Structures are given as C-alpha cells and as structure tokens.
Protein backbone atom coordinates (compact mmCIF):
# COMPACT_ATOMS: atom_id res chain seq x y z
CA MET A 1 -10.29 12.81 -27.42
CA THR A 2 -7.15 14.75 -28.24
CA PHE A 3 -4.28 15.24 -25.82
CA SER A 4 -4.97 18.97 -25.53
CA GLY A 5 -8.62 18.18 -24.79
CA ALA A 6 -7.59 15.85 -21.97
CA LEU A 7 -5.28 18.53 -20.55
CA THR A 8 -8.10 21.08 -20.71
CA ILE A 9 -10.40 18.77 -18.75
CA LEU A 10 -7.60 18.10 -16.26
CA MET A 11 -7.04 21.83 -15.69
CA TYR A 12 -10.76 22.43 -15.11
CA ALA A 13 -10.79 19.54 -12.64
CA LEU A 14 -7.69 20.79 -10.77
CA THR A 15 -8.58 24.49 -10.62
CA PRO A 16 -10.62 24.32 -7.37
CA PHE A 17 -7.78 22.41 -5.69
CA LEU A 18 -4.82 24.59 -6.69
CA TRP A 19 -4.52 26.33 -3.29
CA PRO A 20 -4.55 23.09 -1.26
CA ILE A 21 -2.02 21.59 -3.69
CA ALA A 22 0.21 24.67 -3.35
CA ALA A 23 -0.10 24.56 0.46
CA GLY A 24 0.87 20.88 0.45
CA VAL A 25 3.91 21.56 -1.71
CA VAL A 26 4.99 24.39 0.61
CA ALA A 27 4.55 22.14 3.68
CA LEU A 28 6.55 19.38 1.98
CA VAL A 29 9.40 21.78 1.12
CA VAL A 30 9.43 23.21 4.67
CA VAL A 31 9.65 19.74 6.24
CA HIS A 32 12.48 18.78 3.89
CA LEU A 33 14.38 22.01 4.57
CA LEU A 34 14.05 21.64 8.35
CA ALA A 35 15.17 18.03 8.22
CA ARG A 36 18.04 18.88 5.89
CA LEU A 37 19.24 21.57 8.28
CA ARG A 38 19.28 18.98 11.09
CA GLY A 39 21.39 16.53 9.08
CA TYR A 40 18.81 14.51 7.14
CA ARG A 41 20.04 12.69 4.05
CA MET A 42 17.37 10.88 2.08
CA MET A 43 19.41 7.85 1.05
CA ALA A 44 21.37 7.55 4.31
CA TYR A 45 18.37 7.47 6.68
CA ARG A 46 16.04 4.48 6.78
CA CYS A 47 12.59 4.35 8.29
CA PRO A 48 10.57 1.21 7.52
CA GLY A 49 7.51 2.76 9.17
CA ALA A 50 7.40 5.56 6.61
CA SER A 51 7.69 3.03 3.78
CA LEU A 52 4.90 0.86 5.20
CA ALA A 53 2.66 3.88 5.74
CA ALA A 54 3.30 5.00 2.14
CA MET A 55 2.34 1.56 0.82
CA ALA A 56 -0.80 1.54 2.98
CA ALA A 57 -1.75 4.99 1.69
CA GLY A 58 -1.24 3.81 -1.88
CA VAL A 59 -3.45 0.77 -1.39
CA SER A 60 -6.08 2.87 0.38
CA ALA A 61 -6.16 5.10 -2.70
CA LEU A 62 -8.07 2.32 -4.47
CA TRP A 63 -10.94 3.09 -2.10
CA TRP A 64 -10.88 6.86 -1.68
CA ILE A 65 -9.86 8.13 -5.14
CA PRO A 66 -13.08 6.79 -6.75
CA ALA A 67 -15.07 8.08 -3.76
CA PHE A 68 -13.40 11.50 -4.08
CA THR A 69 -14.28 11.70 -7.77
CA HIS A 70 -17.86 10.47 -7.18
CA SER A 71 -17.16 7.31 -9.13
CA ARG A 72 -16.77 3.61 -8.48
CA LEU A 73 -13.88 1.24 -8.92
CA ALA A 74 -16.12 -0.80 -11.24
CA TYR A 75 -16.07 2.13 -13.70
CA VAL A 76 -12.31 1.74 -14.15
CA SER A 77 -12.58 -0.49 -17.19
CA SER A 78 -10.25 0.59 -19.96
CA VAL A 79 -6.48 0.31 -20.08
CA PHE A 80 -6.13 4.09 -19.88
CA ASP A 81 -8.34 4.18 -16.77
CA TRP A 82 -6.18 1.55 -15.05
CA VAL A 83 -2.97 3.33 -16.05
CA ALA A 84 -4.35 6.57 -14.57
CA MET A 85 -5.42 4.75 -11.39
CA ILE A 86 -2.03 3.07 -10.99
CA ALA A 87 -0.27 6.39 -11.60
CA ALA A 88 -2.44 8.01 -8.92
CA ILE A 89 -1.63 5.18 -6.48
CA ILE A 90 2.11 5.44 -7.15
CA GLY A 91 1.95 9.23 -6.88
CA MET A 92 0.07 9.03 -3.59
CA SER A 93 2.59 6.56 -2.18
CA LEU A 94 5.48 8.75 -3.27
CA VAL A 95 4.01 11.93 -1.77
CA VAL A 96 3.26 10.18 1.54
CA TRP A 97 6.77 8.74 1.66
CA LEU A 98 8.32 12.13 0.81
CA ALA A 99 6.35 13.70 3.66
CA LEU A 100 6.78 11.02 6.33
CA HIS A 101 10.41 10.07 5.77
CA PRO A 102 11.97 13.44 6.74
CA PHE A 103 9.25 14.01 9.34
CA SER A 104 10.18 10.75 11.06
CA TYR A 105 13.81 11.89 11.06
CA LEU A 106 12.77 15.10 12.79
CA LEU A 107 10.79 13.17 15.38
CA ARG A 108 13.44 10.51 16.06
CA GLY A 109 16.53 12.63 15.74
CA ARG A 110 19.86 11.06 14.95
CA ARG A 111 20.20 7.37 15.52
CA SER A 112 23.15 6.09 17.39
CA ARG A 113 25.62 4.05 15.41
CA PHE A 114 25.44 1.28 17.98
CA LEU A 115 21.66 0.73 17.99
C-alpha cells in the first residue's frame, strides 16, 4: 500500500469524527486559555494526579482502541500495527495530560509556597 493510499483510508476513517475532534480541540484550547489567564504555567505547575491519570488512560487504550475499531488486540501482529498502537497510546496519554493538567490548576488554584 502506498503512503497516499494509507492517508486516503485514514481520511475516510476520520471523516465521521471530525466534529467531535474539533469540539475536543476547542475545549482543550478554552481550558488552556482560562488557566493561562489565572496564572497557569505548564512547566512551573506540577500535578502528579494528572500524570497518573494520563498514564492510566494510555494503558486503558490497549483495551478500548481495538474495541472502538471493532478489532482485537490479537490482530495487532505486524511491526507497523504495533507502531500505530503505541503512537495511539502515547497520543491518548498526551491529550489526557494536556486536558487534566490545566484543569487541575483551575480546580486547585494557586498553591502556597509553604505547603
């Protein structure tokens, strides 16, 4: 299969989900803007709970991504399949972390220097 053929199949697979993806991106940007306006800095604020939740979401992707695509984990057999699965897991973890990290800042507010 050529690269352009793979991109064509990917676009046909993503077309029904473009509006939910766009809504998720808008929600992510809004949360980041609100947190930024309240003083959030990504590298200065630490929340281990957001990191643990992102790792848990990434590991759970091994179960629900094949279920979402009407497949099985046993069908992931070639190197390309595993690379795609690992990329999906890393992407899921990153998106969850990007959503939860500023959201936890908004919920907790500023931490005192002495705590």
